[in-house]
């Protein structure tokens, strides 16, 4: 199996650090973060590729994300 091992996958569409992340509906979502400036983009990884999702309404960093009762 692959337990306890790392596997390289597709890179994020936008390079970022200091972002928030959460899993929902078997997808990994990343929110905001920083590059040379604060990022407002949200994207998700579906197991194969990164997809654009939406933009945050304003610049914020640092961020936190949470999946509460699958809502």
N, C-alpha and C. Protein backbone atom coordinates (compact mmCIF):
# COMPACT_ATOMS: atom_id res chain seq x y z
N UNK A 1 0.80 -1.18 0.00
CA UNK A 1 0.00 0.00 0.00
C UNK A 1 0.85 1.25 0.00
N UNK A 2 0.18 2.39 0.06
CA UNK A 2 0.88 3.68 0.04
C UNK A 2 0.83 4.38 1.40
N UNK A 3 0.39 3.70 2.44
CA UNK A 3 0.34 4.32 3.77
C UNK A 3 1.73 4.77 4.20
N UNK A 4 1.82 5.98 4.69
CA UNK A 4 3.08 6.49 5.20
C UNK A 4 4.06 6.92 4.14
N UNK A 5 3.62 7.04 2.89
CA UNK A 5 4.53 7.48 1.82
C UNK A 5 3.97 8.73 1.16
N UNK A 6 4.85 9.49 0.54
CA UNK A 6 4.47 10.70 -0.19
C UNK A 6 4.50 10.40 -1.67
N UNK A 7 3.61 11.04 -2.41
CA UNK A 7 3.56 10.90 -3.86
C UNK A 7 3.42 12.29 -4.47
N UNK A 8 4.25 12.59 -5.46
CA UNK A 8 4.16 13.89 -6.12
C UNK A 8 2.94 13.91 -7.03
N UNK A 9 2.18 14.99 -6.97
CA UNK A 9 0.99 15.17 -7.81
C UNK A 9 1.12 16.49 -8.55
N UNK A 10 0.10 16.86 -9.29
CA UNK A 10 0.12 18.10 -10.07
C UNK A 10 0.33 19.30 -9.15
N UNK A 11 1.13 20.29 -9.59
CA UNK A 11 1.33 21.49 -8.77
C UNK A 11 0.07 22.35 -8.74
N UNK A 12 -0.08 23.15 -7.68
CA UNK A 12 -1.19 24.09 -7.61
C UNK A 12 -1.14 25.04 -8.79
N UNK A 13 -2.29 25.57 -9.17
CA UNK A 13 -2.36 26.54 -10.27
C UNK A 13 -1.67 27.84 -9.89
N UNK A 14 -1.76 28.21 -8.62
CA UNK A 14 -1.16 29.44 -8.10
C UNK A 14 -0.20 29.07 -6.98
N UNK A 15 1.08 29.47 -7.12
CA UNK A 15 2.03 29.24 -6.04
C UNK A 15 1.59 30.08 -4.84
N UNK A 16 1.64 29.48 -3.63
CA UNK A 16 1.20 30.21 -2.45
C UNK A 16 1.79 29.60 -1.19
N UNK A 17 1.88 30.40 -0.17
CA UNK A 17 2.25 29.95 1.17
C UNK A 17 1.25 30.57 2.14
N UNK A 18 1.26 30.12 3.38
CA UNK A 18 0.37 30.67 4.42
C UNK A 18 -1.11 30.61 4.02
N UNK A 19 -1.51 29.53 3.39
CA UNK A 19 -2.91 29.35 2.97
C UNK A 19 -3.65 28.47 3.96
N UNK A 20 -4.96 28.45 3.86
CA UNK A 20 -5.79 27.53 4.64
C UNK A 20 -6.17 26.37 3.74
N UNK A 21 -6.40 25.21 4.33
CA UNK A 21 -6.79 24.03 3.55
C UNK A 21 -7.82 23.22 4.32
N UNK A 22 -8.72 22.59 3.58
CA UNK A 22 -9.72 21.71 4.17
C UNK A 22 -10.17 20.70 3.13
N UNK A 23 -10.58 19.53 3.59
CA UNK A 23 -11.10 18.50 2.70
C UNK A 23 -12.62 18.51 2.79
N UNK A 24 -13.27 18.49 1.64
CA UNK A 24 -14.72 18.41 1.56
C UNK A 24 -15.09 17.67 0.29
N UNK A 25 -16.01 16.73 0.38
CA UNK A 25 -16.51 15.98 -0.78
C UNK A 25 -15.35 15.32 -1.54
N UNK A 26 -14.40 14.75 -0.80
CA UNK A 26 -13.23 14.07 -1.37
C UNK A 26 -12.35 14.99 -2.21
N UNK A 27 -12.38 16.28 -1.93
CA UNK A 27 -11.54 17.25 -2.63
C UNK A 27 -10.76 18.05 -1.59
N UNK A 28 -9.51 18.40 -1.94
CA UNK A 28 -8.68 19.23 -1.08
C UNK A 28 -8.79 20.67 -1.55
N UNK A 29 -9.36 21.54 -0.72
CA UNK A 29 -9.54 22.96 -1.04
C UNK A 29 -8.43 23.76 -0.38
N UNK A 30 -7.87 24.74 -1.11
CA UNK A 30 -6.92 25.70 -0.53
C UNK A 30 -7.49 27.10 -0.73
N UNK A 31 -7.35 27.91 0.31
CA UNK A 31 -7.96 29.24 0.35
C UNK A 31 -6.88 30.29 0.55
N UNK A 32 -6.84 31.28 -0.34
CA UNK A 32 -5.98 32.44 -0.16
C UNK A 32 -4.51 32.10 -0.05
N UNK A 33 -3.84 32.79 0.86
CA UNK A 33 -2.41 32.62 1.05
C UNK A 33 -1.65 33.83 0.53
N UNK A 34 -0.36 33.64 0.37
CA UNK A 34 0.50 34.73 -0.09
C UNK A 34 1.43 34.23 -1.17
N UNK A 35 1.74 35.10 -2.09
CA UNK A 35 2.76 34.89 -3.10
C UNK A 35 3.67 36.11 -2.97
N UNK A 36 3.66 37.02 -3.91
CA UNK A 36 4.32 38.32 -3.71
C UNK A 36 3.36 39.28 -3.03
N UNK A 37 2.08 38.94 -3.08
CA UNK A 37 1.03 39.71 -2.42
C UNK A 37 0.02 38.70 -1.88
N UNK A 38 -1.01 39.19 -1.21
CA UNK A 38 -2.03 38.30 -0.65
C UNK A 38 -2.90 37.76 -1.78
N UNK A 39 -3.13 36.45 -1.77
CA UNK A 39 -3.96 35.78 -2.78
C UNK A 39 -5.42 35.74 -2.34
N UNK A 40 -6.33 35.94 -3.25
CA UNK A 40 -7.76 35.82 -2.96
C UNK A 40 -8.37 34.59 -3.61
N UNK A 41 -7.57 33.80 -4.33
CA UNK A 41 -8.11 32.67 -5.07
C UNK A 41 -8.35 31.45 -4.19
N UNK A 42 -9.33 30.66 -4.59
CA UNK A 42 -9.62 29.37 -3.97
C UNK A 42 -9.57 28.34 -5.08
N UNK A 43 -8.85 27.24 -4.85
CA UNK A 43 -8.83 26.16 -5.81
C UNK A 43 -8.93 24.83 -5.07
N UNK A 44 -9.24 23.77 -5.80
CA UNK A 44 -9.35 22.46 -5.17
C UNK A 44 -8.68 21.40 -6.04
N UNK A 45 -8.19 20.36 -5.35
CA UNK A 45 -7.54 19.23 -6.00
C UNK A 45 -8.51 18.06 -5.96
N UNK A 46 -8.82 17.49 -7.13
CA UNK A 46 -9.80 16.41 -7.22
C UNK A 46 -9.18 15.02 -7.25
N UNK A 47 -7.89 14.93 -6.96
CA UNK A 47 -7.20 13.65 -7.01
C UNK A 47 -6.34 13.51 -8.25
N UNK A 48 -6.61 14.36 -9.25
CA UNK A 48 -5.83 14.33 -10.49
C UNK A 48 -5.27 15.70 -10.85
N UNK A 49 -6.09 16.74 -10.70
CA UNK A 49 -5.66 18.08 -11.12
C UNK A 49 -6.27 19.13 -10.20
N UNK A 50 -5.68 20.34 -10.25
CA UNK A 50 -6.20 21.49 -9.52
C UNK A 50 -7.22 22.22 -10.37
N UNK A 51 -8.29 22.68 -9.74
CA UNK A 51 -9.37 23.37 -10.43
C UNK A 51 -9.66 24.69 -9.73
N UNK A 52 -9.93 25.73 -10.51
CA UNK A 52 -10.31 27.02 -9.95
C UNK A 52 -11.70 26.90 -9.35
N UNK A 53 -11.93 27.54 -8.20
CA UNK A 53 -13.24 27.45 -7.55
C UNK A 53 -13.90 28.82 -7.45
N UNK A 54 -13.27 29.76 -6.77
CA UNK A 54 -13.84 31.10 -6.62
C UNK A 54 -12.76 32.03 -6.10
N UNK A 55 -13.14 33.27 -5.85
CA UNK A 55 -12.24 34.24 -5.22
C UNK A 55 -12.82 34.64 -3.88
N UNK A 56 -11.95 34.88 -2.92
CA UNK A 56 -12.39 35.38 -1.63
C UNK A 56 -12.80 36.84 -1.78
N UNK A 57 -13.74 37.32 -0.96
CA UNK A 57 -14.24 38.69 -1.12
C UNK A 57 -13.22 39.77 -0.75
N UNK A 58 -12.18 39.41 0.03
CA UNK A 58 -11.18 40.40 0.41
C UNK A 58 -9.87 39.70 0.76
N UNK A 59 -8.81 40.49 0.89
CA UNK A 59 -7.50 39.96 1.25
C UNK A 59 -7.43 39.68 2.74
N UNK A 60 -7.03 38.47 3.10
CA UNK A 60 -6.82 38.12 4.50
C UNK A 60 -5.68 37.12 4.59
N UNK A 61 -4.84 37.30 5.56
CA UNK A 61 -3.82 36.31 5.86
C UNK A 61 -3.38 36.53 7.30
N UNK A 62 -3.17 35.53 8.10
CA UNK A 62 -3.36 34.13 7.77
C UNK A 62 -4.84 33.74 7.81
N UNK A 63 -5.13 32.58 7.28
CA UNK A 63 -6.50 32.06 7.22
C UNK A 63 -6.59 30.74 7.95
N UNK A 64 -7.81 30.32 8.24
CA UNK A 64 -8.07 28.99 8.77
C UNK A 64 -9.29 28.45 8.06
N UNK A 65 -9.37 27.13 7.90
CA UNK A 65 -10.51 26.50 7.24
C UNK A 65 -10.94 25.28 8.04
N UNK A 66 -12.22 24.95 7.96
CA UNK A 66 -12.78 23.86 8.74
C UNK A 66 -13.96 23.27 7.99
N UNK A 67 -14.06 21.96 7.97
CA UNK A 67 -15.23 21.27 7.44
C UNK A 67 -16.04 20.82 8.65
N UNK A 68 -17.17 21.47 8.90
CA UNK A 68 -17.98 21.18 10.08
C UNK A 68 -19.23 20.41 9.67
N UNK A 69 -19.31 19.15 10.04
CA UNK A 69 -20.47 18.29 9.78
C UNK A 69 -20.85 18.27 8.30
N UNK A 70 -19.85 18.31 7.42
CA UNK A 70 -20.07 18.23 5.97
C UNK A 70 -20.97 19.33 5.44
N UNK A 71 -20.95 20.50 6.07
CA UNK A 71 -21.76 21.62 5.61
C UNK A 71 -20.89 22.57 4.81
